[in-house]
Amino acid sequence: MFGDAEEKITEIHSVSSLNRYVESVLRNEPTLRDVWVRGEISNFTHYNQRHMYFSLKDGESELSCVMFHGANKDMDFRPSAGQEVICRGEVGFYHAKGKYQFIVLEMIPEGVGKLYLAYEKLKKKLEEEGLFSPEHKKPLPFLPTRVGVVTSTDGAALRDILNVLHRRYANVDVLIAPTSVQGKGSPESIARAIEQMDSQDVDVIIVGRGGGSIEDLWSFNEEVVARAIFHAKTPIISAVGHETDVLISDFVADKRAPTPSAAAELAVPDKRELVSKIQGEKSRLLSSLNNAVVDGRERLKRITEGLLFIRPERFLEEHEQRLDECISRIRENVSKKLEFMENKLELQTERLKALGPVLTMERGFSVVLDRGGNVVRSVVDLNPGDMLDVRMKDGSFTTEVKEVKIWKKKI
């Protein structure tokens, strides 16, 4: 019996090795790396206020879960048994106990969770379409003359915006487009107000409202509002809720402000700071101009004192003296150059004379020319009867060739 079983066994695993193998299979499965799970919390334990151990269950089964301290330390609510939640995490395997478990990275209460999932879905869609891209962001004007505000006329946000605008730059004109900012139909109302304000002659638009719950702020997470902001030609500042509230409108807008008051501060500069800066620049300019005038006067004074100490005509006399010296040096150089050239010419003339026919004839030689005046260099060029001119040192005579004799060269 046992012998047959041993023949079928090819490899025997230890419990640990098998558990590690199962763990590696789960870890390398990409579909289990980012999973959302909905369920009811049971058996909840917050061990030493660090790691959370619990189960998620529905009507048919349970899932063992752990949420480590690094993931749960910033949660804004405390989970409890019986609470419906939505969790994001990954499937893991606890090989010490030989069981798989769900490692929770994020937990959201059920009511908020549905909104959050819708938020993440729309955010991903618009991001892929490029509505959040930096290249689409329009710069805010430095000194706007008209500011548009899209918000409810009943909320504190409008009062905060107007107070800041008046305090920082009372000269700016404000145009208000009243709109519903929460409840049924509010997303469409906000979008229409943005489009209306964009058609007006305003330099920048503030879109927003005061704080509230995620449900109260949800209109600014709707696609119709996001696309109205994106297609606006006027730069838009999104100012919804408080600093911790980040909505779809914040990603699409050209600038995000943490609060409506902060949006007003972004929209216009502080007039007092501008005046102070201008006064500072004016003071620096006047100081630089005054320093230039003082320096100029000092230079003029030094020049004037120099002219008084040395008379102007003395400058002219000195320059005339320098000119005379220059002319004298030029003449001396020219004279030396001419003398050198004359000596060189005389030497060349003597050399030409020594090489010329005159001195040759002085030694008893003569020059024979044909009737054309050409020098006869060889008897082979002569024929009997040719008339020749013979020039000697003291005169010339004409002769006729009677006979031509050619001397043979000796070899």
Protein backbone atom coordinates (compact mmCIF):
# COMPACT_ATOMS: atom_id res chain seq x y z
CA MET A 1 0.00 0.00 0.00
CA PHE A 2 2.61 2.54 1.08
CA GLY A 3 5.04 1.28 -1.54
CA ASP A 4 2.67 2.24 -4.36
CA ALA A 5 2.29 5.75 -2.91
CA GLU A 6 6.07 6.27 -2.66
CA GLU A 7 6.48 5.35 -6.34
CA LYS A 8 4.08 8.16 -7.30
CA ILE A 9 5.86 10.84 -5.21
CA THR A 10 8.30 12.94 -7.32
CA GLU A 11 9.02 15.77 -4.85
CA ILE A 12 8.10 16.45 -1.22
CA HIS A 13 7.63 20.12 -0.11
CA SER A 14 7.92 21.47 3.35
CA VAL A 15 4.96 23.49 4.62
CA SER A 16 7.05 26.69 4.51
CA SER A 17 8.27 26.14 0.96
CA LEU A 18 4.75 25.50 -0.30
CA ASN A 19 3.45 28.58 1.49
CA ARG A 20 6.27 30.69 0.04
CA TYR A 21 5.46 29.37 -3.43
CA VAL A 22 1.79 30.29 -3.04
CA GLU A 23 2.83 33.72 -1.74
CA SER A 24 5.05 34.33 -4.81
CA VAL A 25 2.23 33.29 -7.14
CA LEU A 26 -0.15 35.77 -5.53
CA ARG A 27 2.44 38.54 -5.42
CA ASN A 28 3.22 38.20 -9.14
CA GLU A 29 -0.40 38.26 -10.26
CA PRO A 30 -1.01 41.85 -11.59
CA THR A 31 -4.81 41.62 -11.34
CA LEU A 32 -4.47 41.31 -7.54
CA ARG A 33 -2.25 44.38 -7.05
CA ASP A 34 -4.90 47.15 -7.05
CA VAL A 35 -8.34 45.86 -6.01
CA TRP A 36 -11.45 47.60 -4.59
CA VAL A 37 -13.60 45.57 -2.17
CA ARG A 38 -16.91 46.52 -0.49
CA GLY A 39 -18.00 44.86 2.75
CA GLU A 40 -19.03 45.11 6.39
CA ILE A 41 -16.32 45.33 9.07
CA SER A 42 -16.28 42.58 11.71
CA ASN A 43 -13.81 41.41 14.39
CA PHE A 44 -12.11 44.84 14.31
CA THR A 45 -8.92 45.26 16.39
CA HIS A 46 -6.65 48.32 16.41
CA TYR A 47 -3.57 46.67 17.90
CA ASN A 48 -1.58 49.14 20.08
CA GLN A 49 -3.09 51.97 18.05
CA ARG A 50 -0.93 50.90 15.10
CA HIS A 51 -1.95 48.07 12.77
CA MET A 52 -5.67 47.31 12.21
CA TYR A 53 -6.86 43.71 11.94
CA PHE A 54 -10.42 42.93 10.84
CA SER A 55 -12.59 41.01 8.38
CA LEU A 56 -14.78 42.22 5.56
CA LYS A 57 -17.93 40.18 5.09
CA ASP A 58 -21.04 40.05 2.97
CA GLY A 59 -23.97 37.64 3.04
CA GLU A 60 -21.91 34.67 1.86
CA SER A 61 -18.26 34.90 3.01
CA GLU A 62 -15.53 36.73 4.91
CA LEU A 63 -12.15 38.17 3.89
CA SER A 64 -9.31 38.47 6.40
CA CYS A 65 -7.80 42.00 6.23
CA VAL A 66 -4.91 43.97 7.69
CA MET A 67 -4.31 47.74 7.41
CA PHE A 68 -0.81 48.64 8.54
CA HIS A 69 0.02 51.81 10.45
CA GLY A 70 1.56 53.55 7.46
CA ALA A 71 -1.77 53.34 5.63
CA ASN A 72 -4.16 54.08 8.51
CA LYS A 73 -2.31 56.86 10.40
CA ASP A 74 -3.83 59.69 8.32
CA MET A 75 -7.43 58.41 8.19
CA ASP A 76 -10.07 61.06 8.98
CA PHE A 77 -12.54 58.57 10.55
CA ARG A 78 -12.32 55.63 12.94
CA PRO A 79 -13.58 52.28 11.57
CA SER A 80 -15.84 50.16 13.73
CA ALA A 81 -17.53 46.77 13.61
CA GLY A 82 -20.70 46.74 11.54
CA GLN A 83 -19.66 49.70 9.40
CA GLU A 84 -20.01 49.39 5.62
CA VAL A 85 -16.79 50.46 3.89
CA ILE A 86 -15.02 50.37 0.55
CA CYS A 87 -11.35 49.34 0.67
CA ARG A 88 -8.55 49.53 -1.88
CA GLY A 89 -5.61 47.19 -1.54
CA GLU A 90 -3.80 44.09 -2.74
CA VAL A 91 -4.08 40.39 -2.13
CA GLY A 92 -1.29 39.02 0.01
CA PHE A 93 -0.38 35.76 1.73
CA TYR A 94 0.59 35.32 5.36
CA HIS A 95 2.75 32.25 5.07
CA ALA A 96 3.24 31.85 8.85
CA LYS A 97 -0.45 30.90 9.12
CA GLY A 98 -0.84 29.59 5.61
CA LYS A 99 -3.71 31.89 4.68
CA TYR A 100 -4.22 34.65 2.18
CA GLN A 101 -5.32 38.11 3.35
CA PHE A 102 -6.31 41.46 1.92
CA ILE A 103 -3.74 44.22 2.64
CA VAL A 104 -5.78 47.44 2.83
CA LEU A 105 -4.11 50.62 1.56
CA GLU A 106 -7.13 52.92 1.64
CA MET A 107 -10.53 52.81 3.37
CA ILE A 108 -13.62 54.95 2.70
CA PRO A 109 -17.05 54.85 4.38
CA GLU A 110 -19.68 53.37 2.07
CA GLY A 111 -21.63 56.61 1.43
CA VAL A 112 -18.55 58.63 0.66
CA GLY A 113 -16.96 55.71 -1.12
CA LYS A 114 -19.43 55.73 -3.99
CA LEU A 115 -18.76 59.42 -4.59
CA TYR A 116 -15.04 58.83 -4.31
CA LEU A 117 -15.11 56.09 -6.92
CA ALA A 118 -17.07 58.35 -9.27
CA TYR A 119 -14.54 61.11 -8.57
CA GLU A 120 -11.56 58.85 -9.38
CA LYS A 121 -13.24 57.57 -12.55
CA LEU A 122 -13.96 61.07 -13.91
CA LYS A 123 -10.54 62.34 -12.84
CA LYS A 124 -8.81 59.55 -14.75
CA LYS A 125 -10.96 60.14 -17.83
CA LEU A 126 -10.33 63.90 -17.98
CA GLU A 127 -6.64 63.48 -17.24
CA GLU A 128 -6.28 61.06 -20.14
CA GLU A 129 -8.03 63.61 -22.40
CA GLY A 130 -5.45 66.24 -21.39
CA LEU A 131 -7.75 68.62 -19.49
CA PHE A 132 -5.21 68.84 -16.64
CA SER A 133 -2.14 69.34 -18.85
CA PRO A 134 0.12 72.30 -17.93
CA GLU A 135 0.33 73.46 -21.56
CA HIS A 136 -3.37 74.39 -21.43
CA LYS A 137 -2.96 76.60 -18.35
CA LYS A 138 -3.41 80.32 -19.08
CA PRO A 139 -1.34 82.84 -17.08
CA LEU A 140 -3.15 85.19 -14.72
CA PRO A 141 -3.01 88.91 -15.62
CA PHE A 142 -0.70 91.05 -13.48
CA LEU A 143 -3.09 93.97 -13.02
CA PRO A 144 -6.68 93.18 -14.09
CA THR A 145 -9.20 95.97 -14.52
CA ARG A 146 -12.30 93.72 -14.25
CA VAL A 147 -12.69 90.53 -12.21
CA GLY A 148 -15.57 88.10 -12.76
CA VAL A 149 -16.97 86.03 -9.88
CA VAL A 150 -19.08 82.89 -10.35
CA THR A 151 -20.64 81.87 -7.02
CA SER A 152 -23.79 82.04 -4.90
CA THR A 153 -24.88 85.49 -3.76
CA ASP A 154 -26.13 83.95 -0.49
CA GLY A 155 -22.84 82.48 0.74
CA ALA A 156 -20.00 83.95 2.74
CA ALA A 157 -17.59 83.20 -0.13
CA LEU A 158 -18.80 86.21 -2.14
CA ARG A 159 -18.42 88.57 0.82
CA ASP A 160 -14.91 87.27 1.48
CA ILE A 161 -13.92 87.74 -2.16
CA LEU A 162 -15.32 91.29 -2.35
CA ASN A 163 -13.68 92.30 0.94
CA VAL A 164 -10.24 91.09 -0.19
CA LEU A 165 -10.56 92.66 -3.65
CA HIS A 166 -11.58 96.02 -2.15
CA ARG A 167 -8.81 95.89 0.45
CA ARG A 168 -6.05 94.95 -1.98
CA TYR A 169 -7.06 96.98 -5.06
CA ALA A 170 -10.21 99.09 -4.72
CA ASN A 171 -9.90 100.36 -8.32
CA VAL A 172 -10.81 96.99 -9.83
CA ASP A 173 -14.33 96.45 -11.18
CA VAL A 174 -16.16 93.28 -10.13
CA LEU A 175 -18.77 91.51 -12.24
CA ILE A 176 -20.87 88.81 -10.51
CA ALA A 177 -22.63 85.86 -12.16
CA PRO A 178 -24.99 84.42 -9.49
CA THR A 179 -25.39 80.65 -9.52
CA SER A 180 -26.56 77.75 -7.40
CA VAL A 181 -23.51 75.95 -5.99
CA GLN A 182 -25.12 72.77 -4.58
CA GLY A 183 -28.13 70.59 -5.09
CA LYS A 184 -30.03 69.42 -8.13
CA GLY A 185 -29.24 71.35 -11.32
CA SER A 186 -26.34 73.25 -9.76
CA PRO A 187 -23.62 71.78 -12.04
CA GLU A 188 -25.46 73.00 -15.14
CA SER A 189 -26.10 76.37 -13.46
CA ILE A 190 -22.37 76.78 -12.67
CA ALA A 191 -21.39 75.84 -16.23
CA ARG A 192 -23.83 78.39 -17.73
CA ALA A 193 -22.54 81.11 -15.38
CA ILE A 194 -18.96 80.38 -16.43
CA GLU A 195 -19.86 80.56 -20.12
CA GLN A 196 -21.78 83.81 -19.56
CA MET A 197 -18.91 85.40 -17.63
CA ASP A 198 -16.39 84.25 -20.24
CA SER A 199 -18.33 86.22 -22.89
CA GLN A 200 -17.98 89.44 -20.84
CA ASP A 201 -15.02 91.80 -20.93
CA VAL A 202 -13.29 90.46 -17.81
CA ASP A 203 -9.59 89.72 -17.28
CA VAL A 204 -9.89 86.85 -14.80
CA ILE A 205 -12.72 84.72 -13.34
CA ILE A 206 -13.01 83.31 -9.82
CA VAL A 207 -15.20 80.18 -9.60
CA GLY A 208 -16.01 78.70 -6.20
CA ARG A 209 -17.88 78.55 -2.94
CA GLY A 210 -17.27 78.16 0.79
CA GLY A 211 -16.68 74.96 2.72
CA GLY A 212 -19.04 72.06 3.28
CA SER A 213 -19.34 68.30 3.14
CA ILE A 214 -18.20 66.31 0.13
CA GLU A 215 -21.84 66.12 -0.94
CA ASP A 216 -22.18 69.92 -0.70
CA LEU A 217 -19.08 70.46 -2.84
CA TRP A 218 -19.88 67.73 -5.35
CA SER A 219 -21.18 70.03 -8.09
CA PHE A 220 -17.58 71.11 -8.73
CA ASN A 221 -16.69 67.47 -9.37
CA GLU A 222 -19.14 67.19 -12.27
CA GLU A 223 -17.95 66.82 -15.86
CA VAL A 224 -20.11 69.68 -17.21
CA VAL A 225 -18.38 72.15 -14.87
CA ALA A 226 -14.92 70.80 -15.70
CA ARG A 227 -15.48 71.19 -19.45
CA ALA A 228 -16.91 74.71 -19.05
CA ILE A 229 -13.74 75.73 -17.19
CA PHE A 230 -11.49 74.06 -19.76
CA HIS A 231 -13.14 75.71 -22.77
CA ALA A 232 -13.19 79.21 -21.25
CA LYS A 233 -10.88 81.72 -22.96
CA THR A 234 -10.52 83.79 -19.77
CA PRO A 235 -8.09 82.58 -17.06
CA ILE A 236 -10.00 80.89 -14.23
CA ILE A 237 -9.12 80.51 -10.55
CA SER A 238 -10.87 77.61 -8.79
CA ALA A 239 -11.62 78.29 -5.11
CA VAL A 240 -13.88 75.62 -3.64
CA GLY A 241 -14.16 74.82 0.07
CA HIS A 242 -11.13 74.73 2.31
CA GLU A 243 -7.47 73.99 1.72
CA THR A 244 -7.93 70.24 2.24
CA ASP A 245 -10.72 70.03 -0.37
CA VAL A 246 -9.35 69.16 -3.80
CA LEU A 247 -11.94 68.84 -6.57
CA ILE A 248 -12.01 68.21 -10.32
CA SER A 249 -12.47 71.94 -10.94
CA ASP A 250 -9.12 72.56 -9.18
CA PHE A 251 -7.30 70.30 -11.63
CA VAL A 252 -8.88 71.85 -14.74
CA ALA A 253 -8.63 75.52 -13.70
CA ASP A 254 -5.65 77.65 -14.66
CA LYS A 255 -4.94 78.25 -10.97
CA ARG A 256 -6.17 76.60 -7.78
CA ALA A 257 -6.73 78.63 -4.60
CA PRO A 258 -7.21 76.92 -1.22
CA THR A 259 -10.05 79.31 -0.26
CA PRO A 260 -12.19 82.02 -1.91
CA SER A 261 -10.25 84.70 0.00
CA ALA A 262 -6.97 83.29 -1.31
CA ALA A 263 -8.42 83.37 -4.85
CA ALA A 264 -9.07 87.11 -4.50
CA GLU A 265 -5.48 87.57 -3.37
CA LEU A 266 -4.27 85.71 -6.45
CA ALA A 267 -6.54 87.73 -8.75
CA VAL A 268 -5.26 91.23 -7.91
CA PRO A 269 -2.02 92.61 -6.47
CA ASP A 270 -1.93 94.63 -3.27
CA LYS A 271 -2.09 98.30 -4.27
CA ARG A 272 -0.13 99.36 -1.20
CA GLU A 273 2.68 96.97 -2.10
CA LEU A 274 2.69 98.30 -5.67
CA VAL A 275 2.82 101.91 -4.51
CA SER A 276 5.61 101.04 -2.07
CA LYS A 277 7.55 99.26 -4.79
CA ILE A 278 7.11 102.17 -7.21
CA GLN A 279 8.23 104.64 -4.53
CA GLY A 280 11.27 102.49 -3.88
CA GLU A 281 12.12 102.35 -7.59
CA LYS A 282 11.60 106.13 -7.83
CA SER A 283 13.93 106.72 -4.88
CA ARG A 284 16.60 104.50 -6.38
CA LEU A 285 16.27 106.25 -9.74
CA LEU A 286 16.52 109.73 -8.18
CA SER A 287 19.50 108.59 -6.12
CA SER A 288 21.26 107.23 -9.22
CA LEU A 289 20.49 110.45 -11.12
CA ASN A 290 21.76 112.60 -8.24
CA ASN A 291 24.97 110.55 -8.05
CA ALA A 292 25.48 110.97 -11.80
CA VAL A 293 25.03 114.76 -11.50
CA VAL A 294 27.48 114.94 -8.57
CA ASP A 295 30.04 112.84 -10.47
CA GLY A 296 29.60 115.06 -13.54
CA ARG A 297 30.13 118.20 -11.52
CA GLU A 298 33.28 116.77 -9.96
CA ARG A 299 34.69 115.85 -13.37
CA LEU A 300 33.83 119.31 -14.75
CA LYS A 301 35.50 120.91 -11.76
CA ARG A 302 38.67 118.90 -12.27
CA ILE A 303 38.77 119.77 -15.98
CA THR A 304 38.16 123.46 -15.26
CA GLU A 305 40.91 123.52 -12.67
CA GLY A 306 43.26 121.89 -15.14
CA LEU A 307 42.47 124.49 -17.81
CA LEU A 308 43.11 127.30 -15.34
CA PHE A 309 46.45 125.84 -14.34
CA ILE A 310 47.61 125.23 -17.91
CA ARG A 311 46.53 127.87 -20.47
CA PRO A 312 44.72 126.58 -23.60
CA GLU A 313 47.25 128.21 -25.97
CA ARG A 314 49.97 126.20 -24.26
CA PHE A 315 48.23 122.99 -25.41
CA LEU A 316 48.29 124.28 -28.99
CA GLU A 317 51.97 125.27 -28.74
CA GLU A 318 52.88 121.83 -27.45
CA HIS A 319 50.99 120.15 -30.30
CA GLU A 320 52.69 122.45 -32.84
CA GLN A 321 56.04 121.53 -31.38
CA ARG A 322 55.23 117.84 -31.65
CA LEU A 323 54.12 118.41 -35.26
CA ASP A 324 57.44 120.13 -36.11
CA GLU A 325 59.33 117.22 -34.61
CA CYS A 326 57.31 114.75 -36.67
CA ILE A 327 57.90 116.70 -39.90
CA SER A 328 61.62 116.91 -39.15
CA ARG A 329 61.84 113.15 -38.57
CA ILE A 330 59.91 112.49 -41.80
CA ARG A 331 62.22 114.72 -43.82
CA GLU A 332 65.30 113.09 -42.30
CA ASN A 333 63.95 109.65 -43.10
CA VAL A 334 63.07 110.65 -46.68
CA SER A 335 66.54 112.19 -47.22
CA LYS A 336 68.22 109.02 -45.97
CA LYS A 337 66.00 106.90 -48.19
CA LEU A 338 66.79 109.02 -51.28
CA GLU A 339 70.54 108.89 -50.59
CA PHE A 340 70.35 105.12 -50.22
CA MET A 341 68.44 104.79 -53.52
CA GLU A 342 70.90 107.08 -55.39
CA ASN A 343 73.88 105.03 -54.20
CA LYS A 344 72.12 101.83 -55.21
CA LEU A 345 71.31 103.28 -58.67
CA GLU A 346 74.92 104.37 -59.21
CA LEU A 347 76.17 100.92 -58.29
CA GLN A 348 73.76 99.25 -60.70
CA THR A 349 74.79 101.68 -63.46
CA GLU A 350 78.45 100.79 -63.02
CA ARG A 351 77.57 97.10 -63.18
CA LEU A 352 75.64 97.65 -66.43
CA LYS A 353 78.49 99.58 -67.95
CA ALA A 354 80.92 96.79 -67.13
CA LEU A 355 78.63 94.30 -68.81
CA GLY A 356 77.75 96.56 -71.80
CA PRO A 357 79.43 96.82 -75.28
CA VAL A 358 81.12 100.17 -74.68
CA LEU A 359 83.84 98.88 -72.39
CA THR A 360 84.19 95.83 -74.63
CA MET A 361 84.95 98.07 -77.62
CA GLU A 362 87.45 100.04 -75.52
CA ARG A 363 89.47 96.85 -75.34
CA GLY A 364 89.66 96.64 -79.21
CA PHE A 365 86.52 94.72 -79.98
CA SER A 366 83.77 95.87 -82.39
CA VAL A 367 80.05 95.20 -82.92
CA VAL A 368 78.75 94.01 -86.32
CA LEU A 369 75.18 94.99 -87.30
CA ASP A 370 73.14 94.02 -90.35
CA ARG A 371 71.25 96.58 -92.34
CA GLY A 372 68.32 96.14 -90.01
CA GLY A 373 70.40 97.15 -86.99
CA ASN A 374 70.47 93.64 -85.55
CA VAL A 375 73.65 92.27 -84.00
CA VAL A 376 75.29 89.59 -86.16
CA ARG A 377 76.19 86.80 -83.77
CA SER A 378 77.35 84.07 -86.25
CA VAL A 379 78.76 83.85 -89.79
CA VAL A 380 76.07 81.35 -90.62
CA ASP A 381 73.69 84.31 -90.70
CA LEU A 382 75.76 86.01 -93.51
CA ASN A 383 75.87 85.68 -97.27
CA PRO A 384 78.28 87.18 -99.84
CA GLY A 385 77.10 90.61 -100.86
CA ASP A 386 75.49 91.48 -97.51
CA MET A 387 76.16 95.03 -96.35
CA LEU A 388 77.21 95.38 -92.72
CA ASP A 389 77.81 98.23 -90.30
CA VAL A 390 80.83 97.83 -88.05
CA ARG A 391 80.91 99.90 -84.87
CA MET A 392 84.13 100.57 -82.96
CA LYS A 393 84.91 102.66 -79.91
CA ASP A 394 85.44 105.87 -81.85
CA GLY A 395 83.16 105.43 -84.86
CA SER A 396 81.69 103.04 -87.49
CA PHE A 397 82.08 102.05 -91.14
CA THR A 398 80.16 100.08 -93.77
CA THR A 399 81.55 96.99 -95.47
CA GLU A 400 80.41 94.32 -97.93
CA VAL A 401 80.72 90.59 -97.34
CA LYS A 402 82.88 89.11 -100.09
CA GLU A 403 83.27 85.60 -98.73
CA VAL A 404 81.91 83.60 -95.78
CA LYS A 405 84.16 81.09 -94.02
CA ILE A 406 82.84 78.79 -91.34
CA TRP A 407 85.32 77.37 -88.86
CA LYS A 408 84.86 73.82 -87.91
CA LYS A 409 84.69 73.11 -84.21
CA LYS A 410 87.34 70.83 -82.84
CA ILE A 411 86.03 67.65 -81.31
